C-alpha atoms as a PDB file:
ATOM      1  CA  UNK A   1       0.000   0.000   0.000  1.00  0.00           C
ATOM      2  CA  UNK A   2       2.815   2.383   0.885  1.00  0.00           C
ATOM      3  CA  UNK A   3       4.559   1.627  -2.413  1.00  0.00           C
ATOM      4  CA  UNK A   4       1.353   2.334  -4.351  1.00  0.00           C
ATOM      5  CA  UNK A   5       0.884   5.673  -2.591  1.00  0.00           C
ATOM      6  CA  UNK A   6       4.481   6.594  -3.408  1.00  0.00           C
ATOM      7  CA  UNK A   7       3.912   5.722  -7.068  1.00  0.00           C
ATOM      8  CA  UNK A   8       0.736   7.812  -7.120  1.00  0.00           C
ATOM      9  CA  UNK A   9       2.676  10.733  -5.663  1.00  0.00           C
ATOM     10  CA  UNK A  10       5.306  10.430  -8.396  1.00  0.00           C
ATOM     11  CA  UNK A  11       2.496  10.228 -10.960  1.00  0.00           C
ATOM     12  CA  UNK A  12       0.902  13.414  -9.607  1.00  0.00           C
ATOM     13  CA  UNK A  13       4.234  15.254  -9.645  1.00  0.00           C
ATOM     14  CA  UNK A  14       4.972  14.175 -13.223  1.00  0.00           C
ATOM     15  CA  UNK A  15       1.579  15.316 -14.471  1.00  0.00           C
ATOM     16  CA  UNK A  16       1.837  18.566 -12.546  1.00  0.00           C
ATOM     17  CA  UNK A  17       5.201  19.155 -14.218  1.00  0.00           C
ATOM     18  CA  UNK A  18       3.663  18.434 -17.646  1.00  0.00           C
ATOM     19  CA  UNK A  19       0.933  21.014 -17.044  1.00  0.00           C
ATOM     20  CA  UNK A  20       3.285  23.706 -15.697  1.00  0.00           C
ATOM     21  CA  UNK A  21       6.030  23.173 -18.257  1.00  0.00           C
ATOM     22  CA  UNK A  22       3.393  22.756 -20.951  1.00  0.00           C
ATOM     23  CA  UNK A  23       2.206  26.324 -20.506  1.00  0.00           C
ATOM     24  CA  UNK A  24       5.756  27.573 -21.095  1.00  0.00           C
ATOM     25  CA  UNK A  25       6.139  25.416 -24.197  1.00  0.00           C
ATOM     26  CA  UNK A  26       2.746  26.619 -25.421  1.00  0.00           C
ATOM     27  CA  UNK A  27       3.654  30.282 -25.025  1.00  0.00           C
ATOM     28  CA  UNK A  28       6.990  29.747 -26.761  1.00  0.00           C
ATOM     29  CA  UNK A  29       5.476  27.459 -29.433  1.00  0.00           C
ATOM     30  CA  UNK A  30       8.091  24.748 -28.836  1.00  0.00           C
ATOM     31  CA  UNK A  31       6.455  21.837 -30.654  1.00  0.00           C
ATOM     32  CA  UNK A  32       9.457  19.478 -30.764  1.00  0.00           C
ATOM     33  CA  UNK A  33      10.114  19.858 -27.049  1.00  0.00           C
ATOM     34  CA  UNK A  34       6.441  19.107 -26.449  1.00  0.00           C
ATOM     35  CA  UNK A  35       6.850  15.773 -28.251  1.00  0.00           C
ATOM     36  CA  UNK A  36      10.032  15.029 -26.334  1.00  0.00           C
ATOM     37  CA  UNK A  37       8.308  15.762 -23.037  1.00  0.00           C
ATOM     38  CA  UNK A  38       5.520  13.330 -23.932  1.00  0.00           C
ATOM     39  CA  UNK A  39       7.958  10.505 -24.702  1.00  0.00           C
ATOM     40  CA  UNK A  40      10.006  11.044 -21.543  1.00  0.00           C
ATOM     41  CA  UNK A  41       7.031  11.349 -19.188  1.00  0.00           C
ATOM     42  CA  UNK A  42       5.178   8.320 -20.578  1.00  0.00           C
ATOM     43  CA  UNK A  43       8.292   6.211 -20.182  1.00  0.00           C
ATOM     44  CA  UNK A  44       8.770   7.586 -16.671  1.00  0.00           C
ATOM     45  CA  UNK A  45       5.224   6.660 -15.642  1.00  0.00           C
ATOM     46  CA  UNK A  46       5.562   3.219 -17.226  1.00  0.00           C
ATOM     47  CA  UNK A  47       8.800   2.636 -15.313  1.00  0.00           C
ATOM     48  CA  UNK A  48       7.208   3.705 -12.023  1.00  0.00           C
ATOM     49  CA  UNK A  49       4.096   1.551 -12.421  1.00  0.00           C
ATOM     50  CA  UNK A  50       5.595  -1.428 -14.273  1.00  0.00           C
ATOM     51  CA  UNK A  51       5.023  -3.809 -11.328  1.00  0.00           C
ATOM     52  CA  UNK A  52       1.644  -2.399 -10.248  1.00  0.00           C
ATOM     53  CA  UNK A  53      -1.786  -3.813 -11.056  1.00  0.00           C
ATOM     54  CA  UNK A  54      -2.665  -3.505 -14.793  1.00  0.00           C
ATOM     55  CA  UNK A  55      -5.636  -1.260 -13.998  1.00  0.00           C
ATOM     56  CA  UNK A  56      -3.479   1.226 -12.102  1.00  0.00           C
ATOM     57  CA  UNK A  57      -0.799   1.043 -14.778  1.00  0.00           C
ATOM     58  CA  UNK A  58      -3.389   1.624 -17.510  1.00  0.00           C
ATOM     59  CA  UNK A  59      -4.969   4.640 -15.808  1.00  0.00           C
ATOM     60  CA  UNK A  60      -1.572   6.214 -15.110  1.00  0.00           C
ATOM     61  CA  UNK A  61      -0.388   5.767 -18.702  1.00  0.00           C
ATOM     62  CA  UNK A  62      -3.655   7.040 -20.201  1.00  0.00           C
ATOM     63  CA  UNK A  63      -3.793  10.115 -17.963  1.00  0.00           C
ATOM     64  CA  UNK A  64      -0.151  11.031 -18.609  1.00  0.00           C
ATOM     65  CA  UNK A  65      -0.445  10.450 -22.345  1.00  0.00           C
ATOM     66  CA  UNK A  66      -3.585  12.566 -22.564  1.00  0.00           C
ATOM     67  CA  UNK A  67      -2.080  15.414 -20.534  1.00  0.00           C
ATOM     68  CA  UNK A  68       1.094  15.418 -22.613  1.00  0.00           C
ATOM     69  CA  UNK A  69      -0.872  15.285 -25.873  1.00  0.00           C
ATOM     70  CA  UNK A  70      -2.846  18.335 -24.747  1.00  0.00           C
ATOM     71  CA  UNK A  71       0.425  20.256 -24.640  1.00  0.00           C
ATOM     72  CA  UNK A  72       1.317  19.130 -28.168  1.00  0.00           C
ATOM     73  CA  UNK A  73      -2.158  19.880 -29.545  1.00  0.00           C
ATOM     74  CA  UNK A  74      -2.220  23.310 -27.900  1.00  0.00           C
ATOM     75  CA  UNK A  75       1.288  24.179 -29.090  1.00  0.00           C
ATOM     76  CA  UNK A  76       0.396  23.121 -32.640  1.00  0.00           C
ATOM     77  CA  UNK A  77      -2.887  25.041 -32.430  1.00  0.00           C
ATOM     78  CA  UNK A  78      -1.184  28.307 -31.509  1.00  0.00           C
ATOM     79  CA  UNK A  79       1.885  27.774 -33.699  1.00  0.00           C
ATOM     80  CA  UNK A  80       0.804  30.310 -36.325  1.00  0.00           C
ATOM     81  CA  UNK A  81      -0.835  32.861 -34.062  1.00  0.00           C
ATOM     82  CA  UNK A  82      -0.651  34.536 -30.659  1.00  0.00           C
ATOM     83  CA  UNK A  83      -1.113  32.235 -27.668  1.00  0.00           C
ATOM     84  CA  UNK A  84      -3.571  34.404 -25.757  1.00  0.00           C
ATOM     85  CA  UNK A  85      -4.644  31.717 -23.292  1.00  0.00           C
ATOM     86  CA  UNK A  86      -4.144  32.801 -19.671  1.00  0.00           C
ATOM     87  CA  UNK A  87      -2.576  30.463 -17.136  1.00  0.00           C
ATOM     88  CA  UNK A  88      -5.934  29.901 -15.377  1.00  0.00           C
ATOM     89  CA  UNK A  89      -7.596  29.133 -18.705  1.00  0.00           C
ATOM     90  CA  UNK A  90      -4.757  26.736 -19.516  1.00  0.00           C
ATOM     91  CA  UNK A  91      -5.166  24.938 -16.185  1.00  0.00           C
ATOM     92  CA  UNK A  92      -8.911  24.545 -16.767  1.00  0.00           C
ATOM     93  CA  UNK A  93      -8.285  23.113 -20.221  1.00  0.00           C
ATOM     94  CA  UNK A  94      -5.371  20.857 -19.277  1.00  0.00           C
ATOM     95  CA  UNK A  95      -6.919  19.427 -16.108  1.00  0.00           C
ATOM     96  CA  UNK A  96     -10.669  19.774 -16.492  1.00  0.00           C
ATOM     97  CA  UNK A  97     -11.619  19.017 -20.097  1.00  0.00           C
ATOM     98  CA  UNK A  98     -11.059  15.948 -22.275  1.00  0.00           C
ATOM     99  CA  UNK A  99     -11.225  17.730 -25.650  1.00  0.00           C
ATOM    100  CA  UNK A 100      -8.226  19.052 -27.566  1.00  0.00           C
ATOM    101  CA  UNK A 101      -9.416  22.455 -28.849  1.00  0.00           C
ATOM    102  CA  UNK A 102      -7.550  24.830 -26.546  1.00  0.00           C
ATOM    103  CA  UNK A 103      -9.050  27.991 -28.040  1.00  0.00           C
ATOM    104  CA  UNK A 104     -12.460  27.196 -26.547  1.00  0.00           C
ATOM    105  CA  UNK A 105     -11.138  28.091 -23.103  1.00  0.00           C
ATOM    106  CA  UNK A 106     -10.270  31.636 -24.133  1.00  0.00           C
ATOM    107  CA  UNK A 107     -13.953  32.315 -23.301  1.00  0.00           C
ATOM    108  CA  UNK A 108     -13.760  30.881 -19.784  1.00  0.00           C
ATOM    109  CA  UNK A 109     -15.631  33.158 -17.369  1.00  0.00           C
ATOM    110  CA  UNK A 110     -18.057  34.512 -19.978  1.00  0.00           C
ATOM    111  CA  UNK A 111     -21.878  34.225 -19.523  1.00  0.00           C
ATOM    112  CA  UNK A 112     -23.360  30.704 -19.595  1.00  0.00           C
ATOM    113  CA  UNK A 113     -24.056  29.207 -23.007  1.00  0.00           C
ATOM    114  CA  UNK A 114     -27.372  27.589 -24.002  1.00  0.00           C
ATOM    115  CA  UNK A 115     -28.137  23.852 -23.857  1.00  0.00           C
ATOM    116  CA  UNK A 116     -25.880  23.238 -20.859  1.00  0.00           C
ATOM    117  CA  UNK A 117     -28.513  21.534 -18.724  1.00  0.00           C
ATOM    118  CA  UNK A 118     -29.870  19.249 -21.479  1.00  0.00           C
ATOM    119  CA  UNK A 119     -26.301  18.018 -22.049  1.00  0.00           C
ATOM    120  CA  UNK A 120     -25.838  17.487 -18.304  1.00  0.00           C
ATOM    121  CA  UNK A 121     -29.115  15.592 -18.001  1.00  0.00           C
ATOM    122  CA  UNK A 122     -28.187  13.436 -20.979  1.00  0.00           C
ATOM    123  CA  UNK A 123     -24.852  12.636 -19.340  1.00  0.00           C
ATOM    124  CA  UNK A 124     -26.488  11.714 -16.033  1.00  0.00           C
ATOM    125  CA  UNK A 125     -28.922   9.392 -17.819  1.00  0.00           C
ATOM    126  CA  UNK A 126     -25.970   7.600 -19.474  1.00  0.00           C
ATOM    127  CA  UNK A 127     -24.168   7.260 -16.153  1.00  0.00           C
ATOM    128  CA  UNK A 128     -27.249   5.538 -14.765  1.00  0.00           C
ATOM    129  CA  UNK A 129     -27.621   3.338 -17.864  1.00  0.00           C
ATOM    130  CA  UNK A 130     -23.947   2.365 -17.759  1.00  0.00           C
ATOM    131  CA  UNK A 131     -24.147   1.507 -14.073  1.00  0.00           C
ATOM    132  CA  UNK A 132     -27.212  -0.668 -14.683  1.00  0.00           C
ATOM    133  CA  UNK A 133     -25.434  -2.544 -17.497  1.00  0.00           C
ATOM    134  CA  UNK A 134     -22.469  -3.242 -15.224  1.00  0.00           C
ATOM    135  CA  UNK A 135     -24.842  -4.528 -12.527  1.00  0.00           C
ATOM    136  CA  UNK A 136     -26.577  -6.688 -15.147  1.00  0.00           C
ATOM    137  CA  UNK A 137     -23.206  -8.126 -16.153  1.00  0.00           C
ATOM    138  CA  UNK A 138     -22.474  -8.984 -12.529  1.00  0.00           C
ATOM    139  CA  UNK A 139     -25.880 -10.670 -12.224  1.00  0.00           C
ATOM    140  CA  UNK A 140     -25.320 -12.766 -15.363  1.00  0.00           C
ATOM    141  CA  UNK A 141     -22.121 -14.202 -13.857  1.00  0.00           C
ATOM    142  CA  UNK A 142     -24.316 -15.791 -11.167  1.00  0.00           C
ATOM    143  CA  UNK A 143     -26.410 -17.683 -13.705  1.00  0.00           C
ATOM    144  CA  UNK A 144     -25.632 -21.231 -14.773  1.00  0.00           C
ATOM    145  CA  UNK A 145     -24.688 -20.467 -18.365  1.00  0.00           C
ATOM    146  CA  UNK A 146     -22.167 -22.022 -20.692  1.00  0.00           C
ATOM    147  CA  UNK A 147     -18.804 -20.536 -19.659  1.00  0.00           C
ATOM    148  CA  UNK A 148     -17.868 -19.291 -23.126  1.00  0.00           C
ATOM    149  CA  UNK A 149     -21.305 -17.771 -23.772  1.00  0.00           C
ATOM    150  CA  UNK A 150     -21.328 -16.136 -20.343  1.00  0.00           C
ATOM    151  CA  UNK A 151     -17.837 -14.655 -20.844  1.00  0.00           C
ATOM    152  CA  UNK A 152     -18.816 -13.166 -24.209  1.00  0.00           C
ATOM    153  CA  UNK A 153     -22.103 -11.683 -22.963  1.00  0.00           C
ATOM    154  CA  UNK A 154     -20.568 -10.256 -19.790  1.00  0.00           C
ATOM    155  CA  UNK A 155     -17.550  -8.806 -21.613  1.00  0.00           C
ATOM    156  CA  UNK A 156     -19.770  -7.047 -24.163  1.00  0.00           C
ATOM    157  CA  UNK A 157     -22.049  -5.695 -21.422  1.00  0.00           C
ATOM    158  CA  UNK A 158     -19.071  -4.417 -19.434  1.00  0.00           C
ATOM    159  CA  UNK A 159     -17.468  -2.706 -22.432  1.00  0.00           C
ATOM    160  CA  UNK A 160     -20.751  -0.993 -23.339  1.00  0.00           C
ATOM    161  CA  UNK A 161     -21.497  -0.188 -19.692  1.00  0.00           C
ATOM    162  CA  UNK A 162     -18.120   1.427 -19.029  1.00  0.00           C
ATOM    163  CA  UNK A 163     -18.370   3.351 -22.312  1.00  0.00           C
ATOM    164  CA  UNK A 164     -21.808   4.712 -21.358  1.00  0.00           C
ATOM    165  CA  UNK A 165     -20.528   5.577 -17.898  1.00  0.00           C
ATOM    166  CA  UNK A 166     -17.400   7.404 -19.012  1.00  0.00           C
ATOM    167  CA  UNK A 167     -17.662   8.433 -22.658  1.00  0.00           C
ATOM    168  CA  UNK A 168     -21.322   9.409 -22.824  1.00  0.00           C
ATOM    169  CA  UNK A 169     -21.937  10.009 -19.118  1.00  0.00           C
ATOM    170  CA  UNK A 170     -19.079  11.680 -17.247  1.00  0.00           C
ATOM    171  CA  UNK A 171     -17.680  13.432 -20.312  1.00  0.00           C
ATOM    172  CA  UNK A 172     -21.188  14.603 -21.209  1.00  0.00           C
ATOM    173  CA  UNK A 173     -21.709  16.084 -17.751  1.00  0.00           C
ATOM    174  CA  UNK A 174     -18.292  17.749 -18.032  1.00  0.00           C
ATOM    175  CA  UNK A 175     -19.246  19.319 -21.380  1.00  0.00           C
ATOM    176  CA  UNK A 176     -22.460  20.736 -19.933  1.00  0.00           C
ATOM    177  CA  UNK A 177     -20.762  22.074 -16.804  1.00  0.00           C
ATOM    178  CA  UNK A 178     -18.141  23.987 -18.777  1.00  0.00           C
ATOM    179  CA  UNK A 179     -20.883  25.565 -20.886  1.00  0.00           C
ATOM    180  CA  UNK A 180     -22.223  27.088 -17.668  1.00  0.00           C
ATOM    181  CA  UNK A 181     -18.859  28.888 -17.428  1.00  0.00           C
ATOM    182  CA  UNK A 182     -19.011  30.271 -20.963  1.00  0.00           C
ATOM    183  CA  UNK A 183     -16.858  27.633 -22.652  1.00  0.00           C
ATOM    184  CA  UNK A 184     -18.330  26.308 -25.891  1.00  0.00           C
ATOM    185  CA  UNK A 185     -17.726  22.648 -25.056  1.00  0.00           C
ATOM    186  CA  UNK A 186     -19.780  19.851 -26.606  1.00  0.00           C
ATOM    187  CA  UNK A 187     -20.413  16.114 -26.270  1.00  0.00           C
ATOM    188  CA  UNK A 188     -17.348  14.230 -27.453  1.00  0.00           C
ATOM    189  CA  UNK A 189     -19.416  11.188 -28.452  1.00  0.00           C
ATOM    190  CA  UNK A 190     -22.265  12.080 -30.817  1.00  0.00           C
ATOM    191  CA  UNK A 191     -24.728   9.276 -31.617  1.00  0.00           C
ATOM    192  CA  UNK A 192     -22.079   7.008 -33.193  1.00  0.00           C
ATOM    193  CA  UNK A 193     -24.698   4.424 -34.220  1.00  0.00           C
ATOM    194  CA  UNK A 194     -26.108   6.973 -36.686  1.00  0.00           C
ATOM    195  CA  UNK A 195     -22.886   7.122 -38.718  1.00  0.00           C
ATOM    196  CA  UNK A 196     -23.280   6.187 -42.370  1.00  0.00           C
ATOM    197  CA  UNK A 197     -19.570   5.941 -43.132  1.00  0.00           C
ATOM    198  CA  UNK A 198     -16.360   5.155 -41.295  1.00  0.00           C
ATOM    199  CA  UNK A 199     -15.152   8.642 -42.167  1.00  0.00           C
ATOM    200  CA  UNK A 200     -18.141  10.146 -40.374  1.00  0.00           C
ATOM    201  CA  UNK A 201     -17.821   7.709 -37.476  1.00  0.00           C
ATOM    202  CA  UNK A 202     -14.170   8.457 -36.709  1.00  0.00           C
ATOM    203  CA  UNK A 203     -14.122  12.185 -37.480  1.00  0.00           C
ATOM    204  CA  UNK A 204     -17.516  13.437 -36.283  1.00  0.00           C
ATOM    205  CA  UNK A 205     -19.162  10.932 -33.946  1.00  0.00           C
ATOM    206  CA  UNK A 206     -16.780   8.711 -31.962  1.00  0.00           C
ATOM    207  CA  UNK A 207     -14.291  10.266 -29.517  1.00  0.00           C
ATOM    208  CA  UNK A 208     -14.061  13.726 -31.016  1.00  0.00           C
ATOM    209  CA  UNK A 209     -11.182  14.473 -28.639  1.00  0.00           C
ATOM    210  CA  UNK A 210      -9.094  11.772 -30.293  1.00  0.00           C
ATOM    211  CA  UNK A 211      -9.919  12.958 -33.814  1.00  0.00           C
ATOM    212  CA  UNK A 212      -9.114  16.557 -32.792  1.00  0.00           C
ATOM    213  CA  UNK A 213      -5.824  15.380 -31.331  1.00  0.00           C
ATOM    214  CA  UNK A 214      -4.682  13.342 -34.333  1.00  0.00           C
ATOM    215  CA  UNK A 215      -5.888  16.025 -36.740  1.00  0.00           C
ATOM    216  CA  UNK A 216      -3.963  18.821 -35.004  1.00  0.00           C
ATOM    217  CA  UNK A 217      -0.794  16.893 -34.202  1.00  0.00           C
ATOM    218  CA  UNK A 218      -0.417  14.437 -37.123  1.00  0.00           C
ATOM    219  CA  UNK A 219      -2.733  14.979 -40.095  1.00  0.00           C
ATOM    220  CA  UNK A 220      -2.610  18.758 -40.554  1.00  0.00           C
ATOM    221  CA  UNK A 221       1.172  19.162 -40.052  1.00  0.00           C
ATOM    222  CA  UNK A 222       1.908  16.312 -42.496  1.00  0.00           C
ATOM    223  CA  UNK A 223      -0.759  16.453 -45.214  1.00  0.00           C
ATOM    224  CA  UNK A 224       1.006  19.114 -47.314  1.00  0.00           C
ATOM    225  CA  UNK A 225       4.342  17.322 -46.930  1.00  0.00           C
ATOM    226  CA  UNK A 226       3.440  13.716 -47.689  1.00  0.00           C
ATOM    227  CA  UNK A 227      -0.084  13.995 -49.085  1.00  0.00           C
ATOM    228  CA  UNK A 228      -3.478  13.583 -47.426  1.00  0.00           C
ATOM    229  CA  UNK A 229      -3.782   9.760 -47.818  1.00  0.00           C
ATOM    230  CA  UNK A 230      -0.384   9.065 -46.236  1.00  0.00           C
ATOM    231  CA  UNK A 231      -1.033  11.617 -43.481  1.00  0.00           C
ATOM    232  CA  UNK A 232      -4.392   9.988 -42.785  1.00  0.00           C
ATOM    233  CA  UNK A 233      -2.804   6.537 -42.468  1.00  0.00           C
ATOM    234  CA  UNK A 234      -0.148   7.916 -40.130  1.00  0.00           C
ATOM    235  CA  UNK A 235      -2.881   9.506 -38.023  1.00  0.00           C
ATOM    236  CA  UNK A 236      -4.648   6.152 -37.713  1.00  0.00           C
ATOM    237  CA  UNK A 237      -1.333   4.414 -36.997  1.00  0.00           C
ATOM    238  CA  UNK A 238      -0.629   6.959 -34.267  1.00  0.00           C
ATOM    239  CA  UNK A 239      -4.044   6.184 -32.782  1.00  0.00           C
ATOM    240  CA  UNK A 240      -3.029   2.532 -32.866  1.00  0.00           C
ATOM    241  CA  UNK A 241       0.209   3.332 -31.050  1.00  0.00           C
ATOM    242  CA  UNK A 242      -1.613   5.227 -28.301  1.00  0.00           C
ATOM    243  CA  UNK A 243      -4.043   2.336 -27.896  1.00  0.00           C
ATOM    244  CA  UNK A 244      -1.102  -0.056 -27.642  1.00  0.00           C
ATOM    245  CA  UNK A 245       0.093   2.065 -24.723  1.00  0.00           C
ATOM    246  CA  UNK A 246      -3.287   2.001 -22.998  1.00  0.00           C
ATOM    247  CA  UNK A 247      -4.531  -1.526 -23.843  1.00  0.00           C
ATOM    248  CA  UNK A 248      -1.506  -3.766 -24.470  1.00  0.00           C
ATOM    249  CA  UNK A 249       1.301  -2.326 -22.339  1.00  0.00           C
ATOM    250  CA  UNK A 250      -0.641  -2.485 -19.031  1.00  0.00           C
ATOM    251  CA  UNK A 251      -1.307  -6.226 -19.445  1.00  0.00           C
ATOM    252  CA  UNK A 252       1.945  -6.985 -21.321  1.00  0.00           C
ATOM    253  CA  UNK A 253       0.009  -8.915 -23.976  1.00  0.00           C
ATOM    254  CA  UNK A 254      -1.714  -8.315 -27.294  1.00  0.00           C
ATOM    255  CA  UNK A 255       1.037  -6.210 -28.832  1.00  0.00           C
ATOM    256  CA  UNK A 256       0.267  -5.258 -32.412  1.00  0.00           C
ATOM    257  CA  UNK A 257      -3.448  -6.034 -32.249  1.00  0.00           C
ATOM    258  CA  UNK A 258      -4.719  -2.480 -31.480  1.00  0.00           C
ATOM    259  CA  UNK A 259      -2.324  -1.157 -34.146  1.00  0.00           C
ATOM    260  CA  UNK A 260      -3.750  -3.636 -36.656  1.00  0.00           C
ATOM    261  CA  UNK A 261      -7.293  -2.534 -35.772  1.00  0.00           C
ATOM    262  CA  UNK A 262      -6.534   1.108 -36.572  1.00  0.00           C
ATOM    263  CA  UNK A 263      -4.549   0.280 -39.718  1.00  0.00           C
ATOM    264  CA  UNK A 264      -7.646  -1.606 -40.914  1.00  0.00           C
ATOM    265  CA  UNK A 265      -9.831   1.421 -40.093  1.00  0.00           C
ATOM    266  CA  UNK A 266      -7.537   3.834 -41.926  1.00  0.00           C
ATOM    267  CA  UNK A 267      -7.376   1.561 -44.956  1.00  0.00           C
ATOM    268  CA  UNK A 268     -11.166   1.285 -45.042  1.00  0.00           C
ATOM    269  CA  UNK A 269     -11.600   5.060 -44.757  1.00  0.00           C
ATOM    270  CA  UNK A 270      -9.395   5.454 -47.838  1.00  0.00           C
ATOM    271  CA  UNK A 271     -11.339   2.675 -49.565  1.00  0.00           C
ATOM    272  CA  UNK A 272     -14.582   4.535 -48.845  1.00  0.00           C
ATOM    273  CA  UNK A 273     -13.284   7.517 -50.766  1.00  0.00           C
ATOM    274  CA  UNK A 274     -12.593   5.323 -53.777  1.00  0.00           C
ATOM    275  CA  UNK A 275     -16.011   3.652 -53.541  1.00  0.00           C
ATOM    276  CA  UNK A 276     -17.814   6.972 -53.207  1.00  0.00           C
ATOM    277  CA  UNK A 277     -16.107   8.188 -56.391  1.00  0.00           C
ATOM    278  CA  UNK A 278     -17.145   5.023 -58.220  1.00  0.00           C
ATOM    279  CA  UNK A 279     -20.255   5.256 -60.427  1.00  0.00           C
ATOM    280  CA  UNK A 280     -21.928   2.495 -58.376  1.00  0.00           C
ATOM    281  CA  UNK A 281     -21.787   4.504 -55.134  1.00  0.00           C
ATOM    282  CA  UNK A 282     -23.532   1.750 -53.144  1.00  0.00           C
ATOM    283  CA  UNK A 283     -22.649   3.448 -49.864  1.00  0.00           C
ATOM    284  CA  UNK A 284     -25.205   6.146 -50.640  1.00  0.00           C
ATOM    285  CA  UNK A 285     -27.929   3.641 -49.719  1.00  0.00           C
ATOM    286  CA  UNK A 286     -28.615   4.443 -46.059  1.00  0.00           C
ATOM    287  CA  UNK A 287     -29.219   0.909 -44.789  1.00  0.00           C
ATOM    288  CA  UNK A 288     -26.180  -0.436 -46.622  1.00  0.00           C
ATOM    289  CA  UNK A 289     -24.068   2.459 -45.352  1.00  0.00           C
ATOM    290  CA  UNK A 290     -25.142   1.857 -41.726  1.00  0.00           C
ATOM    291  CA  UNK A 291     -24.460  -1.863 -42.067  1.00  0.00           C
ATOM    292  CA  UNK A 292     -21.053  -1.265 -43.649  1.00  0.00           C
ATOM    293  CA  UNK A 293     -20.019   1.175 -40.919  1.00  0.00           C
ATOM    294  CA  UNK A 294     -21.171  -0.831 -37.903  1.00  0.00           C
ATOM    295  CA  UNK A 295     -19.773  -4.082 -39.293  1.00  0.00           C
ATOM    296  CA  UNK A 296     -16.278  -2.716 -39.801  1.00  0.00           C
ATOM    297  CA  UNK A 297     -16.235  -0.945 -36.428  1.00  0.00           C
ATOM    298  CA  UNK A 298     -17.479  -3.987 -34.490  1.00  0.00           C
ATOM    299  CA  UNK A 299     -16.180  -7.055 -36.369  1.00  0.00           C
ATOM    300  CA  UNK A 300     -12.459  -6.354 -35.802  1.00  0.00           C
ATOM    301  CA  UNK A 301     -13.069  -5.054 -32.240  1.00  0.00           C
ATOM    302  CA  UNK A 302     -11.542  -8.182 -30.602  1.00  0.00           C
ATOM    303  CA  UNK A 303      -8.224  -6.977 -32.021  1.00  0.00           C
ATOM    304  CA  UNK A 304      -8.606  -3.775 -30.041  1.00  0.00           C
ATOM    305  CA  UNK A 305     -10.084  -5.184 -26.837  1.00  0.00           C
ATOM    306  CA  UNK A 306      -8.039  -8.353 -26.871  1.00  0.00           C
ATOM    307  CA  UNK A 307      -8.582 -11.218 -24.476  1.00  0.00           C
ATOM    308  CA  UNK A 308      -5.857 -10.336 -21.955  1.00  0.00           C
ATOM    309  CA  UNK A 309      -7.149  -6.780 -21.650  1.00  0.00           C
ATOM    310  CA  UNK A 310     -10.620  -8.163 -20.976  1.00  0.00           C
ATOM    311  CA  UNK A 311      -9.242 -10.611 -18.394  1.00  0.00           C
ATOM    312  CA  UNK A 312      -6.890  -8.296 -16.548  1.00  0.00           C
ATOM    313  CA  UNK A 313      -8.676  -4.940 -16.779  1.00  0.00           C
ATOM    314  CA  UNK A 314     -12.332  -4.989 -17.850  1.00  0.00           C
ATOM    315  CA  UNK A 315     -13.599  -7.772 -15.579  1.00  0.00           C
ATOM    316  CA  UNK A 316     -11.579  -6.647 -12.510  1.00  0.00           C
ATOM    317  CA  UNK A 317     -12.819  -3.060 -12.989  1.00  0.00           C
ATOM    318  CA  UNK A 318     -16.318  -4.423 -12.429  1.00  0.00           C
ATOM    319  CA  UNK A 319     -15.159  -6.422  -9.425  1.00  0.00           C
ATOM    320  CA  UNK A 320     -15.378  -9.734 -11.308  1.00  0.00           C
ATOM    321  CA  UNK A 321     -12.950 -12.565 -11.881  1.00  0.00           C
ATOM    322  CA  UNK A 322     -12.619 -13.718 -15.493  1.00  0.00           C
END
């Protein structure tokens, strides 16, 4: 217990240093040093937590990676213009918001924006729904079902439940709360089941923070140098790398599988562009487009949420033994 508390203290100090140093790098527009700081701090956190429980290791790596990427995204965002963000506004953005558009927090302290409470209520409803799905998963483990069937059902319920709880719930409440302070925040997960293409799914509906991050730090800086298709594939590969850090490294298994998932997604996004330029244009049929999108998001998902991650992280997070 004492060792864990010491590791958490080191983690807090590292992330505090990222935030404080990040503001200096932002003001001085030092993009390369921002990348270097991310690499060094992620390795430092991994080294500190390498013998801790996979859940603790995962959370520490994710939090540090996200904080460091905020510095890079902000530095890139202000690279060609004045960095007018105050230190208080920077702290609110770096610590209190999951999105990557720093400029939104230039309005912090302004009058409340509309639709804050509907967003908050939506988030609360998803927190409740996610909690109920996790409880349902726990109940199903008590039934006398075939072991394989039970493991599949419970794992799916837990993944959906935790996503509702965090992605649609807590992050939704956060978006609404910041709107009460004048910041034009928004839900970062926008009805992903309505997507009619993988392009729409990944850029406009699922984890907008991640798409903002890869767009600002990878795609935009590279597209004029190596071309949009290559920059897009590198952006998806970078997403794969970050998911390797958060899903494979904590459990020390499944290396390469999250990367493969995102390489598949990037390849299919490029394929969509070719198909949409083809005279057949079958993806313009709404039902076909929905089916295409959901199939390619879900079918390869076991590559992303591989078995060891399910065993060592997802089930234990719900207080269950796999």
